[in-house]
């Protein structure tokens, strides 16, 4: 597997995991989404917004037009779940599109991320790996917070096992994904 194909598979897996988690969270009432919980961020809706705003930061940097601190203004841009869900799916599509266009040279291109006191410079592949890890970390927190609600947390620890295609068929239909999009 080439590095570009690996990153593309990660982007698809990221979108699939977000889809499954957001579908579960969509069953919660607004009160349950906003209820105080024990985690790094104080609620499910706050954590989901953090995932999205960090996506905005890094995806814009990967695209060559980093929005910097504006990604976090406001800190919680979507208190209504349907709006957050729509925007997360859009960010996931942008990330997939970016990874689909990558070639070896673009994976090694410098990405500039303005910080409060400096401009961070990383290669695109490192930014992507950091972004995927960030998503996994915070999805895990939401997953744990869901355990204290009326909705069972979804399984998120799968990665496209070849003999489990039937288990993701409905999700893929909802996302308009095919196995060929990932592996061809």
Protein backbone atom coordinates (compact mmCIF):
# COMPACT_ATOMS: atom_id res chain seq x y z
CA UNK A 1 0.00 0.00 0.00
CA UNK A 2 1.38 3.40 -0.94
CA UNK A 3 1.45 6.20 1.63
CA UNK A 4 -1.15 8.10 -0.38
CA UNK A 5 -3.50 5.11 -0.45
CA UNK A 6 -2.98 4.64 3.30
CA UNK A 7 -3.89 8.27 4.00
CA UNK A 8 -6.95 8.02 1.76
CA UNK A 9 -8.10 4.87 3.59
CA UNK A 10 -7.61 6.72 6.87
CA UNK A 11 -9.73 9.63 5.60
CA UNK A 12 -12.54 7.27 4.60
CA UNK A 13 -12.32 5.43 7.91
CA UNK A 14 -12.40 8.76 9.74
CA UNK A 15 -15.58 9.76 7.90
CA UNK A 16 -17.17 6.37 8.55
CA UNK A 17 -16.40 6.53 12.28
CA UNK A 18 -17.73 10.09 12.47
CA UNK A 19 -20.89 8.98 10.66
CA UNK A 20 -21.51 6.15 13.11
CA UNK A 21 -20.83 8.32 16.14
CA UNK A 22 -22.95 11.20 14.87
CA UNK A 23 -25.82 8.87 14.03
CA UNK A 24 -25.81 7.67 17.66
CA UNK A 25 -25.53 11.22 19.00
CA UNK A 26 -28.41 12.26 16.76
CA UNK A 27 -30.69 10.07 18.87
CA UNK A 28 -29.98 12.19 21.95
CA UNK A 29 -32.17 15.06 23.01
CA UNK A 30 -30.65 18.55 22.96
CA UNK A 31 -30.59 18.38 26.76
CA UNK A 32 -28.60 15.11 26.74
CA UNK A 33 -26.15 16.52 24.19
CA UNK A 34 -25.51 19.58 26.34
CA UNK A 35 -25.63 17.86 29.75
CA UNK A 36 -22.48 18.21 31.88
CA UNK A 37 -20.29 15.12 31.61
CA UNK A 38 -16.87 14.05 32.78
CA UNK A 39 -14.34 14.40 29.98
CA UNK A 40 -11.81 16.88 28.58
CA UNK A 41 -14.70 19.03 27.30
CA UNK A 42 -17.76 19.33 29.55
CA UNK A 43 -20.43 17.92 27.18
CA UNK A 44 -20.98 15.82 24.12
CA UNK A 45 -21.98 18.79 21.96
CA UNK A 46 -18.89 20.73 23.07
CA UNK A 47 -16.60 17.80 22.22
CA UNK A 48 -18.23 17.28 18.82
CA UNK A 49 -17.79 20.98 18.06
CA UNK A 50 -14.13 20.74 19.05
CA UNK A 51 -13.60 17.86 16.63
CA UNK A 52 -15.12 19.97 13.86
CA UNK A 53 -13.26 23.20 14.58
CA UNK A 54 -9.91 21.41 14.69
CA UNK A 55 -10.83 19.76 11.39
CA UNK A 56 -11.48 23.21 9.94
CA UNK A 57 -8.07 24.41 11.12
CA UNK A 58 -6.05 21.51 9.73
CA UNK A 59 -8.04 20.92 6.54
CA UNK A 60 -7.76 24.60 5.62
CA UNK A 61 -4.01 24.41 6.29
CA UNK A 62 -3.71 21.32 4.09
CA UNK A 63 -5.63 23.13 1.36
CA UNK A 64 -3.13 25.99 1.54
CA UNK A 65 -5.35 28.65 3.08
CA UNK A 66 -5.20 28.13 6.85
CA UNK A 67 -7.91 29.98 8.74
CA UNK A 68 -5.88 29.90 11.95
CA UNK A 69 -7.55 30.97 15.18
CA UNK A 70 -10.73 31.88 13.27
CA UNK A 71 -11.52 28.15 13.33
CA UNK A 72 -12.26 28.52 17.04
CA UNK A 73 -14.40 31.65 16.91
CA UNK A 74 -16.82 30.87 18.39
CA UNK A 75 -15.59 27.89 20.37
CA UNK A 76 -18.95 26.14 19.91
CA UNK A 77 -20.22 27.21 16.47
CA UNK A 78 -23.13 24.72 16.41
CA UNK A 79 -25.37 24.14 19.39
CA UNK A 80 -28.03 22.61 17.12
CA UNK A 81 -27.02 19.04 16.35
CA UNK A 82 -28.38 18.94 12.79
CA UNK A 83 -26.14 21.88 11.83
CA UNK A 84 -23.09 20.30 13.43
CA UNK A 85 -23.81 16.96 11.75
CA UNK A 86 -24.08 18.62 8.32
CA UNK A 87 -20.84 20.55 8.77
CA UNK A 88 -18.88 17.55 10.08
CA UNK A 89 -19.93 15.51 7.07
CA UNK A 90 -18.85 18.38 4.81
CA UNK A 91 -15.45 18.57 6.54
CA UNK A 92 -15.06 14.80 6.19
CA UNK A 93 -15.73 15.09 2.44
CA UNK A 94 -13.15 17.87 2.12
CA UNK A 95 -10.60 15.68 3.87
CA UNK A 96 -11.35 12.71 1.61
CA UNK A 97 -11.12 14.93 -1.48
CA UNK A 98 -7.78 16.30 -0.30
CA UNK A 99 -6.37 12.84 0.33
CA UNK A 100 -7.70 11.55 -3.00
CA UNK A 101 -5.71 14.26 -4.83
CA UNK A 102 -2.47 13.57 -2.96
CA UNK A 103 0.61 12.26 -4.68
CA UNK A 104 4.01 11.53 -3.15
CA UNK A 105 5.19 15.11 -3.66
CA UNK A 106 2.14 16.74 -2.07
CA UNK A 107 2.36 14.43 0.94
CA UNK A 108 5.79 15.91 1.64
CA UNK A 109 4.84 19.56 1.00
CA UNK A 110 5.15 22.02 3.84
CA UNK A 111 1.95 23.05 5.57
CA UNK A 112 1.90 26.30 7.53
CA UNK A 113 -0.29 26.64 10.59
CA UNK A 114 -0.37 30.02 12.34
CA UNK A 115 -0.14 29.73 16.12
CA UNK A 116 -0.33 32.46 18.75
CA UNK A 117 3.44 33.02 18.83
CA UNK A 118 4.79 31.37 15.67
CA UNK A 119 3.94 29.63 12.42
CA UNK A 120 4.14 25.88 12.77
CA UNK A 121 5.59 24.18 9.70
CA UNK A 122 4.94 20.48 9.15
CA UNK A 123 4.76 18.17 6.16
CA UNK A 124 1.26 17.34 4.92
CA UNK A 125 1.57 13.66 5.84
CA UNK A 126 2.40 14.55 9.45
CA UNK A 127 -0.51 16.98 9.63
CA UNK A 128 -2.84 14.28 8.36
CA UNK A 129 -1.60 11.69 10.83
CA UNK A 130 -2.00 14.21 13.66
CA UNK A 131 -5.52 15.05 12.50
CA UNK A 132 -6.56 11.40 12.36
CA UNK A 133 -5.14 10.80 15.85
CA UNK A 134 -6.94 13.90 17.16
CA UNK A 135 -10.22 12.61 15.77
CA UNK A 136 -9.72 9.14 17.27
CA UNK A 137 -8.90 10.63 20.67
CA UNK A 138 -11.95 12.87 20.90
CA UNK A 139 -14.35 10.38 19.30
CA UNK A 140 -13.27 8.04 22.10
CA UNK A 141 -14.27 10.65 24.64
CA UNK A 142 -17.70 11.09 23.05
CA UNK A 143 -18.03 7.32 22.90
CA UNK A 144 -17.36 7.11 26.64
CA UNK A 145 -19.79 9.95 27.38
CA UNK A 146 -22.49 8.16 25.38
CA UNK A 147 -22.22 5.29 27.86
CA UNK A 148 -23.91 7.57 30.40
CA UNK A 149 -26.88 8.32 28.16
CA UNK A 150 -29.94 6.52 26.86
CA UNK A 151 -28.09 5.69 23.61
CA UNK A 152 -25.62 2.84 23.31
CA UNK A 153 -22.25 3.89 21.87
CA UNK A 154 -21.58 2.48 18.39
CA UNK A 155 -18.71 0.20 17.52
CA UNK A 156 -15.86 2.36 16.21
CA UNK A 157 -12.87 0.04 16.33
CA UNK A 158 -13.25 -1.48 12.86
CA UNK A 159 -11.06 -0.76 9.87
CA UNK A 160 -12.57 -2.14 6.67
CA UNK A 161 -11.84 -5.83 7.22
CA UNK A 162 -12.37 -7.50 3.82
CA UNK A 163 -14.70 -10.21 5.11
CA UNK A 164 -16.88 -7.71 7.02
CA UNK A 165 -18.07 -5.72 4.03
CA UNK A 166 -21.69 -6.65 4.78
CA UNK A 167 -21.43 -5.06 8.24
CA UNK A 168 -20.79 -1.61 6.77
CA UNK A 169 -23.12 -1.88 3.77
CA UNK A 170 -25.85 0.35 5.27
CA UNK A 171 -23.35 2.95 6.49
CA UNK A 172 -21.66 3.03 3.10
CA UNK A 173 -25.02 3.47 1.36
CA UNK A 174 -25.81 6.42 3.65
CA UNK A 175 -22.38 7.94 2.94
CA UNK A 176 -22.43 7.14 -0.79
CA UNK A 177 -19.16 5.22 -0.34
CA UNK A 178 -18.12 2.07 -2.16
CA UNK A 179 -15.31 -0.33 -1.43
CA UNK A 180 -13.80 0.62 -4.80
CA UNK A 181 -13.60 4.27 -3.77
CA UNK A 182 -11.28 3.28 -0.95
CA UNK A 183 -9.27 0.46 -2.43
CA UNK A 184 -9.06 1.25 -6.18
